[in-house]
Amino acid sequence: MAPAPATLHAAVMARLGPQDAADPRRGLAARALARRVTAAGVGLALLAALLAGLARRRARATA
């Protein structure tokens, strides 16, 4: 494994944009968490829609 170039850290940090001074990864972690929360919300909405469709289908079959 080859060592990273000396300027790689500076180049990566420059592309990240504004970050919290306490932890430069904080912005990245917040975005990753937001993506996961959004995906979970979409998944729950999909599950609720599927369950509602199944309940409606069963209600029509018995009526």
C-alpha atoms as a PDB file:
ATOM      1  CA  MET A   1       0.000   0.000   0.000  1.00  0.00           C
ATOM      2  CA  ALA A   2       1.444   3.347  -1.050  1.00  0.00           C
ATOM      3  CA  PRO A   3       1.347   6.320   1.319  1.00  0.00           C
ATOM      4  CA  ALA A   4      -1.072   9.119   0.492  1.00  0.00           C
ATOM      5  CA  PRO A   5       0.360  12.312  -0.998  1.00  0.00           C
ATOM      6  CA  ALA A   6       1.064  15.057   1.522  1.00  0.00           C
ATOM      7  CA  THR A   7      -1.511  17.376  -0.059  1.00  0.00           C
ATOM      8  CA  LEU A   8      -4.364  14.845  -0.088  1.00  0.00           C
ATOM      9  CA  HIS A   9      -5.673  15.809   3.351  1.00  0.00           C
ATOM     10  CA  ALA A  10      -5.805  19.493   2.438  1.00  0.00           C
ATOM     11  CA  ALA A  11      -7.508  18.739  -0.886  1.00  0.00           C
ATOM     12  CA  VAL A  12     -10.170  16.552   0.732  1.00  0.00           C
ATOM     13  CA  MET A  13     -10.855  19.018   3.542  1.00  0.00           C
ATOM     14  CA  ALA A  14     -11.136  21.875   1.019  1.00  0.00           C
ATOM     15  CA  ARG A  15     -13.849  19.982  -0.899  1.00  0.00           C
ATOM     16  CA  LEU A  16     -15.913  19.245   2.224  1.00  0.00           C
ATOM     17  CA  GLY A  17     -17.096  22.808   2.650  1.00  0.00           C
ATOM     18  CA  PRO A  18     -17.835  24.473   6.000  1.00  0.00           C
ATOM     19  CA  GLN A  19     -17.596  22.091   8.945  1.00  0.00           C
ATOM     20  CA  ASP A  20     -17.896  22.288  12.705  1.00  0.00           C
ATOM     21  CA  ALA A  21     -14.534  23.324  14.123  1.00  0.00           C
ATOM     22  CA  ALA A  22     -14.752  20.711  16.896  1.00  0.00           C
ATOM     23  CA  ASP A  23     -15.025  17.753  14.503  1.00  0.00           C
ATOM     24  CA  PRO A  24     -14.528  18.107  10.751  1.00  0.00           C
ATOM     25  CA  ARG A  25     -16.560  14.928  10.142  1.00  0.00           C
ATOM     26  CA  ARG A  26     -19.653  16.249  11.913  1.00  0.00           C
ATOM     27  CA  GLY A  27     -21.243  17.644   8.747  1.00  0.00           C
ATOM     28  CA  LEU A  28     -20.673  14.371   6.933  1.00  0.00           C
ATOM     29  CA  ALA A  29     -22.189  12.378   9.789  1.00  0.00           C
ATOM     30  CA  ALA A  30     -25.238  14.648   9.909  1.00  0.00           C
ATOM     31  CA  ARG A  31     -25.836  14.237   6.179  1.00  0.00           C
ATOM     32  CA  ALA A  32     -25.446  10.462   6.424  1.00  0.00           C
ATOM     33  CA  LEU A  33     -27.893  10.370   9.318  1.00  0.00           C
ATOM     34  CA  ALA A  34     -30.362  12.535   7.387  1.00  0.00           C
ATOM     35  CA  ARG A  35     -30.167  10.133   4.434  1.00  0.00           C
ATOM     36  CA  ARG A  36     -30.837   7.138   6.684  1.00  0.00           C
ATOM     37  CA  VAL A  37     -33.749   8.850   8.434  1.00  0.00           C
ATOM     38  CA  THR A  38     -35.243   9.826   5.074  1.00  0.00           C
ATOM     39  CA  ALA A  39     -34.857   6.288   3.746  1.00  0.00           C
ATOM     40  CA  ALA A  40     -36.482   4.891   6.892  1.00  0.00           C
ATOM     41  CA  GLY A  41     -39.391   7.337   6.527  1.00  0.00           C
ATOM     42  CA  VAL A  42     -39.914   6.383   2.889  1.00  0.00           C
ATOM     43  CA  GLY A  43     -39.760   2.708   3.846  1.00  0.00           C
ATOM     44  CA  LEU A  44     -42.334   3.160   6.599  1.00  0.00           C
ATOM     45  CA  ALA A  45     -44.637   5.094   4.267  1.00  0.00           C
ATOM     46  CA  LEU A  46     -44.331   2.332   1.675  1.00  0.00           C
ATOM     47  CA  LEU A  47     -45.096  -0.321   4.281  1.00  0.00           C
ATOM     48  CA  ALA A  48     -48.117   1.633   5.528  1.00  0.00           C
ATOM     49  CA  ALA A  49     -49.422   2.008   1.965  1.00  0.00           C
ATOM     50  CA  LEU A  50     -48.990  -1.704   1.285  1.00  0.00           C
ATOM     51  CA  LEU A  51     -50.748  -2.667   4.508  1.00  0.00           C
ATOM     52  CA  ALA A  52     -53.598  -0.248   3.780  1.00  0.00           C
ATOM     53  CA  GLY A  53     -53.957  -1.733   0.299  1.00  0.00           C
ATOM     54  CA  LEU A  54     -54.069  -5.260   1.687  1.00  0.00           C
ATOM     55  CA  ALA A  55     -56.631  -4.277   4.310  1.00  0.00           C
ATOM     56  CA  ARG A  56     -58.789  -2.617   1.658  1.00  0.00           C
ATOM     57  CA  ARG A  57     -58.519  -5.649  -0.605  1.00  0.00           C
ATOM     58  CA  ARG A  58     -59.609  -7.987   2.207  1.00  0.00           C
ATOM     59  CA  ALA A  59     -62.463  -5.668   3.172  1.00  0.00           C
ATOM     60  CA  ARG A  60     -63.759  -5.699  -0.417  1.00  0.00           C
ATOM     61  CA  ALA A  61     -63.481  -9.489  -0.627  1.00  0.00           C
ATOM     62  CA  THR A  62     -65.628 -10.011   2.482  1.00  0.00           C
ATOM     63  CA  ALA A  63     -68.217  -7.349   1.607  1.00  0.00           C
END
